[in-house]
Amino acid sequence: MPEVKDSNASISHDASNKNTYKPYKSRKSFARRKGEVESIMKKFPTKIPVVIERYHKETNLPLLDKTKFLVPQEITMSQFVTIIRKVSHVERKVVSWNTLKVIS
């Protein structure tokens, strides 16, 4: 299985506290996110930067400690879901490919 690198050098939020948690899109402006992606793509041209967060209305899944990942271009969705399950320590029956929502 391809290796997925965590690109969270520092997390500026407390994922364990639901009251103070702000989604990545709210914490960083579009211009800043775009700049980060361009910088990462130059440094790692074969990787895709991905931000994974729990949906704000979700109550059963835990918040992830790591939200930013560098994903190989050749990874399949099923491999990616397996990696997310491992990172979130969630059983196979709880997370399936159709429970992931893509937000751009």
N, C-alpha and C. Protein backbone atom coordinates (compact mmCIF):
# COMPACT_ATOMS: atom_id res chain seq x y z
N MET A 1 0.84 -1.18 0.00
CA MET A 1 0.00 0.00 0.00
C MET A 1 0.88 1.24 0.00
N PRO A 2 0.55 2.22 -0.81
CA PRO A 2 1.36 3.44 -0.85
C PRO A 2 1.39 4.14 0.51
N GLU A 3 2.49 4.80 0.76
CA GLU A 3 2.66 5.51 2.02
C GLU A 3 1.99 6.88 1.93
N VAL A 4 1.27 7.22 3.00
CA VAL A 4 0.66 8.54 3.09
C VAL A 4 1.38 9.30 4.17
N LYS A 5 1.95 10.44 3.81
CA LYS A 5 2.70 11.23 4.78
C LYS A 5 1.78 12.23 5.45
N ASP A 6 2.00 12.41 6.74
CA ASP A 6 1.26 13.42 7.48
C ASP A 6 2.00 14.74 7.32
N SER A 7 1.29 15.76 6.90
CA SER A 7 1.94 17.05 6.71
C SER A 7 1.55 18.05 7.79
N ASN A 8 1.08 17.55 8.92
CA ASN A 8 0.72 18.43 10.04
C ASN A 8 1.96 18.72 10.87
N ALA A 9 2.68 19.74 10.52
CA ALA A 9 3.84 20.11 11.32
C ALA A 9 3.39 20.67 12.66
N SER A 10 2.36 21.46 12.63
CA SER A 10 1.78 21.97 13.87
C SER A 10 0.29 22.15 13.68
N ILE A 11 -0.44 21.83 14.70
CA ILE A 11 -1.89 21.96 14.66
C ILE A 11 -2.26 23.12 15.55
N SER A 12 -2.96 24.09 15.00
CA SER A 12 -3.29 25.29 15.76
C SER A 12 -4.67 25.21 16.39
N HIS A 13 -5.16 24.01 16.55
CA HIS A 13 -6.46 23.86 17.18
C HIS A 13 -6.42 22.69 18.15
N ASP A 14 -7.39 22.64 19.03
CA ASP A 14 -7.51 21.55 19.98
C ASP A 14 -8.63 20.65 19.49
N ALA A 15 -8.28 19.55 18.81
CA ALA A 15 -9.27 18.67 18.22
C ALA A 15 -10.11 17.95 19.27
N SER A 16 -9.64 17.87 20.49
CA SER A 16 -10.39 17.17 21.53
C SER A 16 -11.50 18.03 22.11
N ASN A 17 -11.46 19.31 21.91
CA ASN A 17 -12.46 20.21 22.47
C ASN A 17 -13.40 20.68 21.37
N LYS A 18 -14.63 20.15 21.37
CA LYS A 18 -15.59 20.47 20.32
C LYS A 18 -15.97 21.95 20.31
N ASN A 19 -15.92 22.59 21.46
CA ASN A 19 -16.34 23.99 21.55
C ASN A 19 -15.36 24.94 20.90
N THR A 20 -14.07 24.62 20.88
CA THR A 20 -13.07 25.52 20.32
C THR A 20 -12.62 25.10 18.92
N TYR A 21 -13.03 23.94 18.47
CA TYR A 21 -12.58 23.45 17.17
C TYR A 21 -13.21 24.25 16.04
N LYS A 22 -12.36 24.69 15.10
CA LYS A 22 -12.82 25.38 13.90
C LYS A 22 -12.32 24.59 12.70
N PRO A 23 -13.16 24.41 11.70
CA PRO A 23 -12.73 23.69 10.50
C PRO A 23 -11.55 24.40 9.82
N TYR A 24 -10.79 23.62 9.09
CA TYR A 24 -9.61 24.12 8.40
C TYR A 24 -9.95 25.31 7.50
N LYS A 25 -11.07 25.21 6.78
CA LYS A 25 -11.48 26.30 5.89
C LYS A 25 -11.75 27.59 6.65
N SER A 26 -12.19 27.48 7.88
CA SER A 26 -12.46 28.67 8.70
C SER A 26 -11.19 29.24 9.31
N ARG A 27 -10.21 28.38 9.55
CA ARG A 27 -8.97 28.82 10.19
C ARG A 27 -8.02 29.51 9.22
N LYS A 28 -8.09 29.13 7.93
CA LYS A 28 -7.15 29.68 6.95
C LYS A 28 -7.91 30.23 5.75
N SER A 29 -7.48 31.37 5.28
CA SER A 29 -8.12 32.00 4.13
C SER A 29 -7.86 31.18 2.86
N PHE A 30 -8.67 31.43 1.84
CA PHE A 30 -8.49 30.74 0.57
C PHE A 30 -7.10 31.01 0.00
N ALA A 31 -6.67 32.25 0.06
CA ALA A 31 -5.35 32.61 -0.48
C ALA A 31 -4.23 31.86 0.24
N ARG A 32 -4.35 31.72 1.54
CA ARG A 32 -3.32 31.01 2.31
C ARG A 32 -3.34 29.52 1.99
N ARG A 33 -4.55 28.94 1.89
CA ARG A 33 -4.66 27.51 1.54
C ARG A 33 -4.09 27.27 0.15
N LYS A 34 -4.40 28.16 -0.79
CA LYS A 34 -3.89 28.03 -2.16
C LYS A 34 -2.37 28.11 -2.18
N GLY A 35 -1.82 29.04 -1.42
CA GLY A 35 -0.37 29.18 -1.33
C GLY A 35 0.29 27.93 -0.75
N GLU A 36 -0.33 27.36 0.28
CA GLU A 36 0.21 26.13 0.88
C GLU A 36 0.21 25.00 -0.14
N VAL A 37 -0.89 24.86 -0.88
CA VAL A 37 -0.98 23.79 -1.88
C VAL A 37 0.07 23.97 -2.96
N GLU A 38 0.24 25.18 -3.45
CA GLU A 38 1.24 25.44 -4.49
C GLU A 38 2.64 25.12 -3.99
N SER A 39 2.93 25.49 -2.75
CA SER A 39 4.24 25.21 -2.16
C SER A 39 4.47 23.71 -2.00
N ILE A 40 3.45 23.01 -1.52
CA ILE A 40 3.56 21.56 -1.32
C ILE A 40 3.72 20.85 -2.65
N MET A 41 2.95 21.29 -3.67
CA MET A 41 3.02 20.65 -4.98
C MET A 41 4.40 20.83 -5.63
N LYS A 42 5.05 21.96 -5.36
CA LYS A 42 6.41 22.16 -5.87
C LYS A 42 7.39 21.24 -5.16
N LYS A 43 7.22 21.09 -3.86
CA LYS A 43 8.13 20.28 -3.07
C LYS A 43 7.90 18.78 -3.27
N PHE A 44 6.63 18.38 -3.41
CA PHE A 44 6.26 16.98 -3.58
C PHE A 44 5.37 16.84 -4.82
N PRO A 45 5.95 16.86 -6.02
CA PRO A 45 5.14 16.86 -7.24
C PRO A 45 4.32 15.59 -7.46
N THR A 46 4.67 14.49 -6.82
CA THR A 46 3.92 13.25 -7.02
C THR A 46 2.89 13.00 -5.93
N LYS A 47 2.71 13.96 -5.04
CA LYS A 47 1.75 13.82 -3.93
C LYS A 47 0.61 14.81 -4.08
N ILE A 48 -0.52 14.47 -3.49
CA ILE A 48 -1.68 15.36 -3.49
C ILE A 48 -1.96 15.75 -2.04
N PRO A 49 -1.95 17.05 -1.74
CA PRO A 49 -2.28 17.47 -0.37
C PRO A 49 -3.78 17.34 -0.13
N VAL A 50 -4.14 16.68 0.96
CA VAL A 50 -5.55 16.43 1.29
C VAL A 50 -5.79 16.80 2.74
N VAL A 51 -6.90 17.48 2.99
CA VAL A 51 -7.32 17.80 4.35
C VAL A 51 -8.54 16.93 4.66
N ILE A 52 -8.45 16.17 5.74
CA ILE A 52 -9.54 15.29 6.16
C ILE A 52 -10.01 15.75 7.53
N GLU A 53 -11.30 16.05 7.62
CA GLU A 53 -11.90 16.44 8.90
C GLU A 53 -13.24 15.74 9.05
N ARG A 54 -13.64 15.59 10.28
CA ARG A 54 -14.95 15.02 10.55
C ARG A 54 -16.01 16.06 10.20
N TYR A 55 -17.10 15.59 9.61
CA TYR A 55 -18.23 16.47 9.30
C TYR A 55 -18.75 17.07 10.59
N HIS A 56 -19.06 18.36 10.58
CA HIS A 56 -19.41 19.07 11.82
C HIS A 56 -20.66 18.52 12.52
N LYS A 57 -21.55 17.85 11.79
CA LYS A 57 -22.75 17.28 12.42
C LYS A 57 -22.56 15.82 12.84
N GLU A 58 -21.41 15.25 12.51
CA GLU A 58 -21.11 13.86 12.87
C GLU A 58 -20.89 13.75 14.37
N THR A 59 -21.49 12.73 14.98
CA THR A 59 -21.33 12.55 16.43
C THR A 59 -20.68 11.22 16.79
N ASN A 60 -20.69 10.25 15.88
CA ASN A 60 -20.17 8.92 16.20
C ASN A 60 -18.67 8.77 15.95
N LEU A 61 -18.15 9.49 14.98
CA LEU A 61 -16.73 9.37 14.65
C LEU A 61 -15.90 10.33 15.49
N PRO A 62 -14.69 9.91 15.85
CA PRO A 62 -13.83 10.81 16.64
C PRO A 62 -13.22 11.89 15.74
N LEU A 63 -12.82 13.00 16.35
CA LEU A 63 -12.05 14.01 15.63
C LEU A 63 -10.66 13.44 15.39
N LEU A 64 -10.07 13.74 14.26
CA LEU A 64 -8.73 13.25 13.95
C LEU A 64 -7.68 14.15 14.57
N ASP A 65 -6.61 13.55 15.05
CA ASP A 65 -5.48 14.33 15.57
C ASP A 65 -4.74 15.00 14.41
N LYS A 66 -4.68 14.31 13.29
CA LYS A 66 -3.99 14.81 12.10
C LYS A 66 -5.04 15.09 11.04
N THR A 67 -4.96 16.21 10.40
CA THR A 67 -5.95 16.53 9.37
C THR A 67 -5.34 16.71 7.99
N LYS A 68 -4.06 16.97 7.90
CA LYS A 68 -3.41 17.21 6.61
C LYS A 68 -2.55 16.01 6.23
N PHE A 69 -2.75 15.53 4.99
CA PHE A 69 -2.02 14.37 4.51
C PHE A 69 -1.48 14.64 3.12
N LEU A 70 -0.35 14.01 2.81
CA LEU A 70 0.20 14.01 1.45
C LEU A 70 -0.06 12.62 0.89
N VAL A 71 -0.89 12.54 -0.12
CA VAL A 71 -1.36 11.27 -0.64
C VAL A 71 -0.72 11.01 -2.00
N PRO A 72 -0.18 9.80 -2.22
CA PRO A 72 0.37 9.47 -3.53
C PRO A 72 -0.71 9.52 -4.61
N GLN A 73 -0.35 9.95 -5.80
CA GLN A 73 -1.32 10.06 -6.90
C GLN A 73 -1.92 8.71 -7.28
N GLU A 74 -1.18 7.64 -7.08
CA GLU A 74 -1.64 6.33 -7.54
C GLU A 74 -2.47 5.57 -6.50
N ILE A 75 -2.79 6.17 -5.38
CA ILE A 75 -3.55 5.49 -4.33
C ILE A 75 -5.01 5.35 -4.76
N THR A 76 -5.62 4.22 -4.39
CA THR A 76 -7.04 4.03 -4.69
C THR A 76 -7.87 4.54 -3.52
N MET A 77 -9.15 4.74 -3.77
CA MET A 77 -10.04 5.23 -2.72
C MET A 77 -10.13 4.22 -1.58
N SER A 78 -10.18 2.94 -1.90
CA SER A 78 -10.27 1.93 -0.83
C SER A 78 -9.01 1.91 0.02
N GLN A 79 -7.85 2.10 -0.59
CA GLN A 79 -6.61 2.19 0.19
C GLN A 79 -6.63 3.43 1.08
N PHE A 80 -7.12 4.52 0.54
CA PHE A 80 -7.18 5.77 1.30
C PHE A 80 -8.13 5.64 2.50
N VAL A 81 -9.28 5.02 2.29
CA VAL A 81 -10.24 4.81 3.38
C VAL A 81 -9.62 3.92 4.46
N THR A 82 -8.87 2.90 4.05
CA THR A 82 -8.19 2.04 5.02
C THR A 82 -7.21 2.84 5.87
N ILE A 83 -6.47 3.73 5.25
CA ILE A 83 -5.52 4.57 5.98
C ILE A 83 -6.25 5.48 6.96
N ILE A 84 -7.35 6.08 6.52
CA ILE A 84 -8.12 6.97 7.40
C ILE A 84 -8.69 6.18 8.57
N ARG A 85 -9.14 4.96 8.32
CA ARG A 85 -9.63 4.10 9.42
C ARG A 85 -8.53 3.87 10.45
N LYS A 86 -7.32 3.58 9.97
CA LYS A 86 -6.21 3.33 10.89
C LYS A 86 -5.87 4.57 11.70
N VAL A 87 -5.83 5.72 11.05
CA VAL A 87 -5.50 6.97 11.72
C VAL A 87 -6.56 7.32 12.76
N SER A 88 -7.82 7.07 12.43
CA SER A 88 -8.91 7.45 13.33
C SER A 88 -9.27 6.34 14.31
N HIS A 89 -8.66 5.17 14.16
CA HIS A 89 -8.93 4.03 15.04
C HIS A 89 -10.41 3.66 15.02
N VAL A 90 -11.00 3.62 13.83
CA VAL A 90 -12.41 3.29 13.66
C VAL A 90 -12.52 1.95 12.97
N GLU A 91 -13.50 1.15 13.41
CA GLU A 91 -13.71 -0.17 12.83
C GLU A 91 -14.18 -0.07 11.38
N ARG A 92 -13.95 -1.13 10.65
CA ARG A 92 -14.29 -1.17 9.23
C ARG A 92 -15.78 -0.91 8.98
N LYS A 93 -16.65 -1.45 9.83
CA LYS A 93 -18.09 -1.32 9.60
C LYS A 93 -18.59 0.12 9.79
N VAL A 94 -17.84 0.94 10.50
CA VAL A 94 -18.28 2.31 10.79
C VAL A 94 -17.99 3.25 9.63
N VAL A 95 -16.81 3.13 9.02
CA VAL A 95 -16.43 4.03 7.93
C VAL A 95 -16.38 3.25 6.63
N SER A 96 -17.14 3.67 5.67
CA SER A 96 -17.06 3.07 4.34
C SER A 96 -16.82 4.19 3.34
N TRP A 97 -16.50 3.83 2.13
CA TRP A 97 -16.15 4.85 1.14
C TRP A 97 -17.29 5.83 0.91
N ASN A 98 -18.54 5.38 1.06
CA ASN A 98 -19.65 6.29 0.78
C ASN A 98 -19.97 7.22 1.94
N THR A 99 -19.27 7.11 3.06
CA THR A 99 -19.50 8.03 4.17
C THR A 99 -18.56 9.23 4.10
N LEU A 100 -17.62 9.18 3.18
CA LEU A 100 -16.68 10.30 3.04
C LEU A 100 -17.29 11.36 2.14
N LYS A 101 -17.26 12.59 2.60
CA LYS A 101 -17.82 13.70 1.84
C LYS A 101 -16.66 14.58 1.38
N VAL A 102 -16.62 14.84 0.11
CA VAL A 102 -15.55 15.68 -0.45
C VAL A 102 -16.02 17.12 -0.46
N ILE A 103 -15.24 17.98 0.20
CA ILE A 103 -15.54 19.41 0.23
C ILE A 103 -14.36 20.13 -0.37
N SER A 104 -14.59 20.90 -1.40
CA SER A 104 -13.48 21.61 -2.04
C SER A 104 -13.46 23.05 -1.64
